[in-house]
């Protein structure tokens, strides 16, 4: 009779261990979908706006930059969305706080950079976070 009373706790312990293992596996980042998407997609446009604003906030340059060409956008979906973006940006004639009628710098002040951004996105809550960024002079 004593041996039978240990069976129930062992069974519960085995079930608990299986649940913990299953939970750990589901938390690992598994991409459900990876696809290249057009720049015209509404969430991509909002993400590009966020990237530009963040770049200009963090930049020590006295002038604002703007995106002149998007080379590639890849959308990755897990429990959230990530956009991986390759783009080119150029210095404008507008200083940091100006945003209207900004033409691109030419001549001595010309500057172009190429950037890769990885952005965590929950667009329906307007939540964005830069996960990775790498910019080089173009």
N, C-alpha and C. Protein backbone atom coordinates (compact mmCIF):
# COMPACT_ATOMS: atom_id res chain seq x y z
N UNK A 1 0.81 -1.19 0.00
CA UNK A 1 0.00 0.00 0.00
C UNK A 1 0.86 1.26 0.00
N UNK A 2 1.97 1.20 0.68
CA UNK A 2 2.86 2.34 0.76
C UNK A 2 3.44 2.71 -0.61
N UNK A 3 3.78 1.72 -1.44
CA UNK A 3 4.34 1.98 -2.77
C UNK A 3 3.35 2.71 -3.65
N UNK A 4 2.06 2.41 -3.53
CA UNK A 4 1.03 3.05 -4.34
C UNK A 4 0.86 4.52 -4.00
N UNK A 5 1.10 4.91 -2.77
CA UNK A 5 0.91 6.31 -2.37
C UNK A 5 1.99 7.22 -2.95
N UNK A 6 3.11 6.66 -3.36
CA UNK A 6 4.17 7.46 -3.98
C UNK A 6 3.94 7.66 -5.47
N UNK A 7 3.06 6.89 -6.05
CA UNK A 7 2.83 6.94 -7.49
C UNK A 7 2.17 8.27 -7.90
N UNK A 8 1.20 8.74 -7.14
CA UNK A 8 0.50 9.98 -7.50
C UNK A 8 1.44 11.18 -7.47
N UNK A 9 2.25 11.39 -6.42
CA UNK A 9 3.17 12.53 -6.43
C UNK A 9 4.20 12.43 -7.57
N UNK A 10 4.66 11.21 -7.88
CA UNK A 10 5.62 11.06 -8.98
C UNK A 10 4.98 11.42 -10.31
N UNK A 11 3.73 11.04 -10.50
CA UNK A 11 3.01 11.36 -11.72
C UNK A 11 2.83 12.88 -11.83
N UNK A 12 2.46 13.52 -10.72
CA UNK A 12 2.31 14.98 -10.73
C UNK A 12 3.64 15.67 -11.02
N UNK A 13 4.71 15.14 -10.45
CA UNK A 13 6.03 15.71 -10.69
C UNK A 13 6.42 15.55 -12.16
N UNK A 14 6.12 14.43 -12.76
CA UNK A 14 6.42 14.20 -14.18
C UNK A 14 5.62 15.15 -15.07
N UNK A 15 4.35 15.37 -14.73
CA UNK A 15 3.50 16.30 -15.50
C UNK A 15 4.04 17.72 -15.36
N UNK A 16 4.42 18.09 -14.14
CA UNK A 16 4.97 19.43 -13.91
C UNK A 16 6.26 19.64 -14.71
N UNK A 17 7.14 18.65 -14.71
CA UNK A 17 8.39 18.74 -15.47
C UNK A 17 8.10 18.87 -16.97
N UNK A 18 7.13 18.14 -17.47
CA UNK A 18 6.76 18.22 -18.89
C UNK A 18 6.22 19.61 -19.23
N UNK A 19 5.39 20.17 -18.35
CA UNK A 19 4.84 21.51 -18.59
C UNK A 19 5.94 22.56 -18.59
N UNK A 20 6.88 22.46 -17.67
CA UNK A 20 7.99 23.42 -17.62
C UNK A 20 8.81 23.32 -18.90
N UNK A 21 9.12 22.11 -19.34
CA UNK A 21 9.89 21.92 -20.57
C UNK A 21 9.14 22.47 -21.78
N UNK A 22 7.84 22.24 -21.85
CA UNK A 22 7.03 22.74 -22.96
C UNK A 22 7.01 24.27 -22.96
N UNK A 23 6.83 24.87 -21.79
CA UNK A 23 6.80 26.34 -21.68
C UNK A 23 8.13 26.92 -22.13
N UNK A 24 9.24 26.32 -21.72
CA UNK A 24 10.55 26.80 -22.14
C UNK A 24 10.68 26.75 -23.66
N UNK A 25 10.24 25.68 -24.28
CA UNK A 25 10.34 25.53 -25.73
C UNK A 25 9.51 26.58 -26.45
N UNK A 26 8.33 26.90 -25.93
CA UNK A 26 7.46 27.87 -26.62
C UNK A 26 7.97 29.29 -26.46
N UNK A 27 8.79 29.55 -25.44
CA UNK A 27 9.33 30.90 -25.26
C UNK A 27 10.49 31.18 -26.19
N UNK A 28 11.12 30.16 -26.71
CA UNK A 28 12.23 30.37 -27.63
C UNK A 28 11.70 31.05 -28.88
N UNK A 29 12.49 31.96 -29.42
CA UNK A 29 12.05 32.72 -30.58
C UNK A 29 12.04 31.85 -31.82
N UNK A 30 10.87 31.56 -32.32
CA UNK A 30 10.72 30.79 -33.54
C UNK A 30 10.00 31.67 -34.54
N UNK A 31 10.63 31.91 -35.68
CA UNK A 31 10.00 32.76 -36.68
C UNK A 31 8.88 32.00 -37.36
N UNK A 32 7.68 32.56 -37.26
CA UNK A 32 6.54 31.96 -37.92
C UNK A 32 6.52 32.37 -39.39
N UNK A 33 7.08 33.54 -39.65
CA UNK A 33 7.05 34.07 -41.01
C UNK A 33 8.22 35.02 -41.21
N UNK A 34 8.91 34.88 -42.34
CA UNK A 34 9.95 35.81 -42.75
C UNK A 34 9.70 36.10 -44.21
N UNK A 35 9.47 37.39 -44.52
CA UNK A 35 9.19 37.73 -45.92
C UNK A 35 9.63 39.15 -46.23
N UNK A 36 10.01 39.36 -47.49
CA UNK A 36 10.32 40.70 -47.94
C UNK A 36 9.00 41.41 -48.23
N UNK A 37 8.90 42.66 -47.81
CA UNK A 37 7.64 43.40 -47.97
C UNK A 37 7.91 44.74 -48.65
N UNK A 38 6.90 45.30 -49.31
CA UNK A 38 7.09 46.60 -49.98
C UNK A 38 7.13 47.76 -48.98
N UNK A 39 7.83 48.79 -49.36
CA UNK A 39 7.94 50.00 -48.53
C UNK A 39 6.58 50.66 -48.35
N UNK A 40 5.67 50.44 -49.28
CA UNK A 40 4.36 51.08 -49.24
C UNK A 40 3.43 50.48 -48.18
N UNK A 41 3.81 49.36 -47.57
CA UNK A 41 2.98 48.75 -46.53
C UNK A 41 2.84 49.75 -45.36
N UNK A 42 1.61 49.99 -44.88
CA UNK A 42 1.39 51.04 -43.86
C UNK A 42 2.29 50.93 -42.63
N UNK A 43 2.51 49.73 -42.10
CA UNK A 43 3.35 49.60 -40.91
C UNK A 43 4.81 49.89 -41.22
N UNK A 44 5.23 49.65 -42.45
CA UNK A 44 6.60 49.96 -42.85
C UNK A 44 6.78 51.48 -42.88
N UNK A 45 5.82 52.19 -43.41
CA UNK A 45 5.89 53.66 -43.47
C UNK A 45 6.02 54.24 -42.07
N UNK A 46 5.21 53.77 -41.14
CA UNK A 46 5.28 54.25 -39.75
C UNK A 46 6.63 53.90 -39.12
N UNK A 47 7.14 52.71 -39.42
CA UNK A 47 8.44 52.30 -38.88
C UNK A 47 9.56 53.17 -39.44
N UNK A 48 9.49 53.51 -40.72
CA UNK A 48 10.51 54.38 -41.33
C UNK A 48 10.49 55.77 -40.69
N UNK A 49 9.30 56.25 -40.38
CA UNK A 49 9.18 57.55 -39.71
C UNK A 49 9.86 57.48 -38.33
N UNK A 50 9.61 56.40 -37.60
CA UNK A 50 10.22 56.20 -36.29
C UNK A 50 11.75 56.14 -36.42
N UNK A 51 12.25 55.35 -37.37
CA UNK A 51 13.70 55.21 -37.57
C UNK A 51 14.34 56.57 -37.86
N UNK A 52 13.73 57.35 -38.76
CA UNK A 52 14.26 58.67 -39.11
C UNK A 52 14.29 59.59 -37.89
N UNK A 53 13.19 59.61 -37.14
CA UNK A 53 13.15 60.47 -35.95
C UNK A 53 14.19 60.06 -34.92
N UNK A 54 14.34 58.76 -34.69
CA UNK A 54 15.33 58.27 -33.73
C UNK A 54 16.75 58.58 -34.19
N UNK A 55 17.01 58.40 -35.48
CA UNK A 55 18.34 58.71 -36.00
C UNK A 55 18.67 60.18 -35.77
N UNK A 56 17.73 61.05 -36.11
CA UNK A 56 17.97 62.49 -35.96
C UNK A 56 18.09 62.91 -34.49
N UNK A 57 17.35 62.26 -33.61
CA UNK A 57 17.48 62.56 -32.17
C UNK A 57 18.86 62.19 -31.64
N UNK A 58 19.37 61.04 -32.07
CA UNK A 58 20.64 60.54 -31.56
C UNK A 58 21.86 61.14 -32.25
N UNK A 59 21.68 61.66 -33.44
CA UNK A 59 22.79 62.18 -34.23
C UNK A 59 23.35 63.47 -33.63
N UNK A 60 24.68 63.60 -33.71
CA UNK A 60 25.34 64.83 -33.26
C UNK A 60 25.38 65.88 -34.36
N UNK A 61 24.98 65.48 -35.56
CA UNK A 61 25.00 66.40 -36.70
C UNK A 61 24.02 67.54 -36.46
N UNK A 62 24.39 68.73 -36.90
CA UNK A 62 23.53 69.90 -36.70
C UNK A 62 22.34 69.89 -37.66
N UNK A 63 22.44 69.10 -38.73
CA UNK A 63 21.38 69.02 -39.73
C UNK A 63 20.60 67.70 -39.61
N UNK A 64 19.36 67.74 -40.04
CA UNK A 64 18.53 66.53 -40.07
C UNK A 64 18.89 65.68 -41.28
N UNK A 65 18.65 64.39 -41.16
CA UNK A 65 18.81 63.46 -42.26
C UNK A 65 17.43 62.94 -42.64
N UNK A 66 17.32 62.48 -43.87
CA UNK A 66 16.09 61.83 -44.29
C UNK A 66 16.43 60.65 -45.19
N UNK A 67 15.51 59.73 -45.24
CA UNK A 67 15.69 58.54 -46.07
C UNK A 67 15.53 58.92 -47.53
N UNK A 68 16.51 58.53 -48.35
CA UNK A 68 16.42 58.80 -49.78
C UNK A 68 16.13 57.53 -50.57
N UNK A 69 16.49 56.37 -49.98
CA UNK A 69 16.21 55.11 -50.69
C UNK A 69 16.16 53.96 -49.69
N UNK A 70 15.13 53.14 -49.83
CA UNK A 70 15.02 51.93 -49.03
C UNK A 70 15.44 50.78 -49.94
N UNK A 71 16.49 50.09 -49.53
CA UNK A 71 17.04 49.02 -50.35
C UNK A 71 16.29 47.70 -50.16
N UNK A 72 15.90 47.43 -48.91
CA UNK A 72 15.23 46.15 -48.63
C UNK A 72 14.52 46.24 -47.28
N UNK A 73 13.31 45.66 -47.22
CA UNK A 73 12.57 45.55 -45.97
C UNK A 73 12.15 44.09 -45.81
N UNK A 74 12.51 43.53 -44.68
CA UNK A 74 12.13 42.15 -44.38
C UNK A 74 11.30 42.17 -43.10
N UNK A 75 10.15 41.50 -43.16
CA UNK A 75 9.27 41.42 -41.97
C UNK A 75 9.43 40.03 -41.37
N UNK A 76 9.70 40.00 -40.06
CA UNK A 76 9.80 38.73 -39.34
C UNK A 76 8.73 38.73 -38.26
N UNK A 77 7.96 37.66 -38.24
CA UNK A 77 6.86 37.56 -37.27
C UNK A 77 7.12 36.41 -36.32
N UNK A 78 7.07 36.72 -35.03
CA UNK A 78 7.11 35.70 -33.97
C UNK A 78 5.92 36.02 -33.09
N UNK A 79 6.16 36.26 -31.80
CA UNK A 79 5.10 36.74 -30.93
C UNK A 79 4.94 38.26 -31.10
N UNK A 80 5.81 38.84 -31.91
CA UNK A 80 5.75 40.27 -32.26
C UNK A 80 6.25 40.38 -33.71
N UNK A 81 6.35 41.59 -34.19
CA UNK A 81 6.90 41.81 -35.53
C UNK A 81 8.25 42.49 -35.42
N UNK A 82 9.13 42.15 -36.34
CA UNK A 82 10.40 42.86 -36.48
C UNK A 82 10.54 43.23 -37.94
N UNK A 83 11.00 44.46 -38.18
CA UNK A 83 11.37 44.85 -39.53
C UNK A 83 12.88 44.96 -39.57
N UNK A 84 13.48 44.35 -40.58
CA UNK A 84 14.91 44.47 -40.83
C UNK A 84 15.03 45.29 -42.10
N UNK A 85 15.65 46.46 -41.99
CA UNK A 85 15.62 47.43 -43.07
C UNK A 85 17.02 47.87 -43.46
N UNK A 86 17.28 47.86 -44.76
CA UNK A 86 18.50 48.45 -45.32
C UNK A 86 18.08 49.71 -46.05
N UNK A 87 18.74 50.84 -45.73
CA UNK A 87 18.33 52.10 -46.33
C UNK A 87 19.49 53.05 -46.49
N UNK A 88 19.27 54.09 -47.30
CA UNK A 88 20.24 55.17 -47.47
C UNK A 88 19.60 56.45 -46.97
N UNK A 89 20.39 57.25 -46.25
CA UNK A 89 19.92 58.54 -45.74
C UNK A 89 20.90 59.62 -46.19
N UNK A 90 20.36 60.84 -46.36
CA UNK A 90 21.21 61.98 -46.70
C UNK A 90 20.91 63.15 -45.80
N UNK A 91 21.95 63.96 -45.61
CA UNK A 91 21.83 65.20 -44.83
C UNK A 91 20.99 66.19 -45.61
N UNK A 92 20.10 66.88 -44.89
CA UNK A 92 19.25 67.89 -45.52
C UNK A 92 19.75 69.29 -45.16
N UNK A 93 19.09 70.29 -45.74
CA UNK A 93 19.42 71.69 -45.44
C UNK A 93 18.76 72.16 -44.16
N UNK A 94 17.87 71.34 -43.59
CA UNK A 94 17.16 71.72 -42.37
C UNK A 94 17.98 71.38 -41.13
N UNK A 95 17.96 72.32 -40.20
CA UNK A 95 18.59 72.03 -38.92
C UNK A 95 17.65 71.15 -38.11
N UNK A 96 18.15 70.62 -37.01
CA UNK A 96 17.45 69.59 -36.23
C UNK A 96 15.95 69.83 -36.01
N UNK A 97 15.54 71.00 -35.59
CA UNK A 97 14.14 71.21 -35.24
C UNK A 97 13.25 71.53 -36.44
N UNK A 98 13.85 71.81 -37.58
CA UNK A 98 13.07 72.10 -38.79
C UNK A 98 12.70 70.80 -39.49
N UNK A 99 11.51 70.77 -40.05
CA UNK A 99 11.11 69.57 -40.79
C UNK A 99 10.43 69.90 -42.12
N UNK A 100 10.11 71.13 -42.35
CA UNK A 100 9.38 71.51 -43.57
C UNK A 100 10.33 71.98 -44.66
N UNK A 101 10.01 71.62 -45.91
CA UNK A 101 10.75 72.07 -47.09
C UNK A 101 12.25 71.81 -47.00
N UNK A 102 12.61 70.62 -46.59
CA UNK A 102 14.03 70.27 -46.45
C UNK A 102 14.55 69.69 -47.76
N UNK A 103 15.46 70.41 -48.39
CA UNK A 103 16.11 69.87 -49.58
C UNK A 103 17.38 69.16 -49.14
N UNK A 104 17.94 68.39 -50.04
CA UNK A 104 19.15 67.64 -49.72
C UNK A 104 20.38 68.52 -49.89
N UNK A 105 21.35 68.35 -49.00
CA UNK A 105 22.60 69.10 -49.06
C UNK A 105 23.39 68.68 -50.30
N UNK A 106 24.06 69.62 -50.89
CA UNK A 106 24.97 69.37 -52.01
C UNK A 106 26.31 69.99 -51.66
N UNK A 107 27.30 69.74 -52.48
CA UNK A 107 28.61 70.37 -52.31
C UNK A 107 29.33 69.93 -51.04
N UNK A 108 29.90 70.90 -50.34
CA UNK A 108 30.73 70.64 -49.17
C UNK A 108 29.99 69.95 -48.03
N UNK A 109 28.70 70.23 -47.88
CA UNK A 109 27.93 69.65 -46.78
C UNK A 109 27.20 68.35 -47.15
N UNK A 110 27.42 67.87 -48.38
CA UNK A 110 26.81 66.61 -48.82
C UNK A 110 27.28 65.48 -47.91
N UNK A 111 26.34 64.67 -47.45
CA UNK A 111 26.70 63.48 -46.68
C UNK A 111 25.62 62.44 -46.87
N UNK A 112 26.04 61.23 -47.23
CA UNK A 112 25.11 60.12 -47.38
C UNK A 112 25.61 58.97 -46.53
N UNK A 113 24.68 58.28 -45.89
CA UNK A 113 25.03 57.12 -45.07
C UNK A 113 24.14 55.95 -45.44
N UNK A 114 24.66 54.76 -45.23
CA UNK A 114 23.87 53.53 -45.42
C UNK A 114 23.65 52.93 -44.05
N UNK A 115 22.42 52.52 -43.78
CA UNK A 115 22.08 51.98 -42.46
C UNK A 115 21.34 50.66 -42.57
N UNK A 116 21.55 49.84 -41.56
CA UNK A 116 20.74 48.64 -41.34
C UNK A 116 20.09 48.81 -39.99
N UNK A 117 18.78 48.63 -39.94
CA UNK A 117 18.04 48.70 -38.69
C UNK A 117 17.24 47.42 -38.49
N UNK A 118 17.22 46.97 -37.26
CA UNK A 118 16.33 45.91 -36.84
C UNK A 118 15.41 46.54 -35.80
N UNK A 119 14.10 46.54 -36.07
CA UNK A 119 13.16 47.27 -35.23
C UNK A 119 12.05 46.35 -34.73
N UNK A 120 11.88 46.31 -33.42
CA UNK A 120 10.78 45.61 -32.77
C UNK A 120 9.54 46.47 -32.98
N UNK A 121 8.46 45.88 -33.45
CA UNK A 121 7.28 46.67 -33.80
C UNK A 121 6.00 46.00 -33.29
N UNK A 122 5.21 46.79 -32.57
CA UNK A 122 3.82 46.41 -32.28
C UNK A 122 3.00 47.61 -32.75
N UNK A 123 2.76 47.67 -34.07
CA UNK A 123 2.21 48.90 -34.65
C UNK A 123 0.84 49.29 -34.16
N UNK A 124 -0.01 48.33 -33.82
CA UNK A 124 -1.36 48.68 -33.39
C UNK A 124 -1.34 49.35 -32.02
N UNK A 125 -0.21 49.29 -31.30
CA UNK A 125 -0.03 50.04 -30.06
C UNK A 125 0.99 51.16 -30.23
N UNK A 126 1.43 51.38 -31.47
CA UNK A 126 2.46 52.36 -31.80
C UNK A 126 3.69 52.19 -30.92
N UNK A 127 4.12 50.94 -30.76
CA UNK A 127 5.29 50.61 -29.95
C UNK A 127 6.42 50.18 -30.88
N UNK A 128 7.55 50.87 -30.75
CA UNK A 128 8.72 50.60 -31.59
C UNK A 128 9.96 50.61 -30.69
N UNK A 129 10.89 49.74 -31.02
CA UNK A 129 12.16 49.72 -30.28
C UNK A 129 13.24 49.25 -31.24
N UNK A 130 14.33 50.00 -31.30
CA UNK A 130 15.44 49.62 -32.16
C UNK A 130 16.24 48.53 -31.45
N UNK A 131 16.32 47.37 -32.11
CA UNK A 131 17.05 46.24 -31.55
C UNK A 131 18.51 46.25 -31.99
N UNK A 132 18.75 46.73 -33.21
CA UNK A 132 20.09 46.73 -33.76
C UNK A 132 20.18 47.84 -34.80
N UNK A 133 21.33 48.50 -34.84
CA UNK A 133 21.52 49.59 -35.80
C UNK A 133 22.97 49.61 -36.21
N UNK A 134 23.19 49.77 -37.51
CA UNK A 134 24.57 49.89 -38.00
C UNK A 134 24.56 50.84 -39.19
N UNK A 135 25.22 51.98 -39.04
CA UNK A 135 25.28 52.96 -40.11
C UNK A 135 26.73 53.24 -40.50
N UNK A 136 26.97 53.35 -41.80
CA UNK A 136 28.30 53.66 -42.31
C UNK A 136 28.20 54.74 -43.37
N UNK A 137 29.26 55.50 -43.54
CA UNK A 137 29.28 56.52 -44.59
C UNK A 137 29.24 55.85 -45.94
N UNK A 138 28.35 56.35 -46.80
CA UNK A 138 28.16 55.74 -48.12
C UNK A 138 29.02 56.30 -49.19
